Amino acid sequence: MPETINNQNATQPQRSRAVFSNEDFELIRVAINYYLQEIKESPEGLKYSNLYHRLRRIE
């Protein structure tokens, strides 16, 4: 019986750890904002603008 309980625990997914910290998001926002100023007239400018605004919601 104890072996069954151990096997069930082993097959459950582990809780994922955060990849980025809040400070990382701020750095990414600054970098994207800088790049956005360089490409704002290009077709990809809208994609980066949307990404920038989505990142601003994370805090």
C-alpha atoms as a PDB file:
ATOM      1  CA  MET A   1       0.000   0.000   0.000  1.00  0.00           C
ATOM      2  CA  PRO A   2       2.708   2.612   0.818  1.00  0.00           C
ATOM      3  CA  GLU A   3       4.283   1.948  -2.593  1.00  0.00           C
ATOM      4  CA  THR A   4       1.043   2.979  -4.311  1.00  0.00           C
ATOM      5  CA  ILE A   5       0.959   6.298  -2.450  1.00  0.00           C
ATOM      6  CA  ASN A   6       4.599   7.015  -3.323  1.00  0.00           C
ATOM      7  CA  ASN A   7       3.988   6.222  -6.989  1.00  0.00           C
ATOM      8  CA  GLN A   8       0.972   8.551  -7.125  1.00  0.00           C
ATOM      9  CA  ASN A   9       3.001  11.429  -5.673  1.00  0.00           C
ATOM     10  CA  ALA A  10       5.811  10.799  -8.130  1.00  0.00           C
ATOM     11  CA  THR A  11       3.499  11.060 -11.151  1.00  0.00           C
ATOM     12  CA  GLN A  12       1.907  14.384 -10.153  1.00  0.00           C
ATOM     13  CA  PRO A  13       3.411  17.397 -11.900  1.00  0.00           C
ATOM     14  CA  GLN A  14       5.698  19.596  -9.875  1.00  0.00           C
ATOM     15  CA  ARG A  15       4.722  23.193  -9.221  1.00  0.00           C
ATOM     16  CA  SER A  16       6.496  25.363 -11.758  1.00  0.00           C
ATOM     17  CA  ARG A  17       8.802  28.096 -10.572  1.00  0.00           C
ATOM     18  CA  ALA A  18       8.667  31.656 -11.833  1.00  0.00           C
ATOM     19  CA  VAL A  19      11.085  32.274 -14.668  1.00  0.00           C
ATOM     20  CA  PHE A  20      11.134  36.080 -14.480  1.00  0.00           C
ATOM     21  CA  SER A  21      11.100  38.366 -11.469  1.00  0.00           C
ATOM     22  CA  ASN A  22       9.216  41.669 -11.325  1.00  0.00           C
ATOM     23  CA  GLU A  23      12.531  43.438 -11.885  1.00  0.00           C
ATOM     24  CA  ASP A  24      13.061  41.375 -15.048  1.00  0.00           C
ATOM     25  CA  PHE A  25       9.689  42.482 -16.406  1.00  0.00           C
ATOM     26  CA  GLU A  26      10.661  46.104 -15.879  1.00  0.00           C
ATOM     27  CA  LEU A  27      13.916  45.576 -17.795  1.00  0.00           C
ATOM     28  CA  ILE A  28      12.051  43.832 -20.620  1.00  0.00           C
ATOM     29  CA  ARG A  29       9.510  46.679 -20.785  1.00  0.00           C
ATOM     30  CA  VAL A  30      12.280  49.271 -21.048  1.00  0.00           C
ATOM     31  CA  ALA A  31      14.046  47.296 -23.773  1.00  0.00           C
ATOM     32  CA  ILE A  32      10.844  46.791 -25.768  1.00  0.00           C
ATOM     33  CA  ASN A  33       9.917  50.461 -25.411  1.00  0.00           C
ATOM     34  CA  TYR A  34      13.332  51.486 -26.727  1.00  0.00           C
ATOM     35  CA  TYR A  35      13.088  49.060 -29.659  1.00  0.00           C
ATOM     36  CA  LEU A  36       9.520  50.157 -30.334  1.00  0.00           C
ATOM     37  CA  GLN A  37      10.730  53.721 -30.896  1.00  0.00           C
ATOM     38  CA  GLU A  38      13.094  52.402 -33.574  1.00  0.00           C
ATOM     39  CA  ILE A  39      10.522  50.318 -35.469  1.00  0.00           C
ATOM     40  CA  LYS A  40       7.217  52.081 -34.757  1.00  0.00           C
ATOM     41  CA  GLU A  41       6.553  52.710 -38.459  1.00  0.00           C
ATOM     42  CA  SER A  42       7.162  49.094 -39.481  1.00  0.00           C
ATOM     43  CA  PRO A  43       4.460  46.403 -39.680  1.00  0.00           C
ATOM     44  CA  GLU A  44       5.922  44.686 -36.603  1.00  0.00           C
ATOM     45  CA  GLY A  45       5.563  47.888 -34.595  1.00  0.00           C
ATOM     46  CA  LEU A  46       1.961  47.042 -33.686  1.00  0.00           C
ATOM     47  CA  LYS A  47       2.995  43.617 -32.369  1.00  0.00           C
ATOM     48  CA  TYR A  48       5.660  45.144 -30.142  1.00  0.00           C
ATOM     49  CA  SER A  49       3.278  47.850 -29.006  1.00  0.00           C
ATOM     50  CA  ASN A  50       0.733  45.226 -27.957  1.00  0.00           C
ATOM     51  CA  LEU A  51       3.446  43.234 -26.182  1.00  0.00           C
ATOM     52  CA  TYR A  52       4.611  46.364 -24.352  1.00  0.00           C
ATOM     53  CA  HIS A  53       1.076  47.100 -23.139  1.00  0.00           C
ATOM     54  CA  ARG A  54       0.537  43.491 -22.016  1.00  0.00           C
ATOM     55  CA  LEU A  55       3.778  43.620 -20.021  1.00  0.00           C
ATOM     56  CA  ARG A  56       2.661  46.847 -18.347  1.00  0.00           C
ATOM     57  CA  ARG A  57      -0.279  44.954 -16.848  1.00  0.00           C
ATOM     58  CA  ILE A  58       2.093  42.564 -15.042  1.00  0.00           C
ATOM     59  CA  GLU A  59       3.090  43.956 -11.684  1.00  0.00           C
END
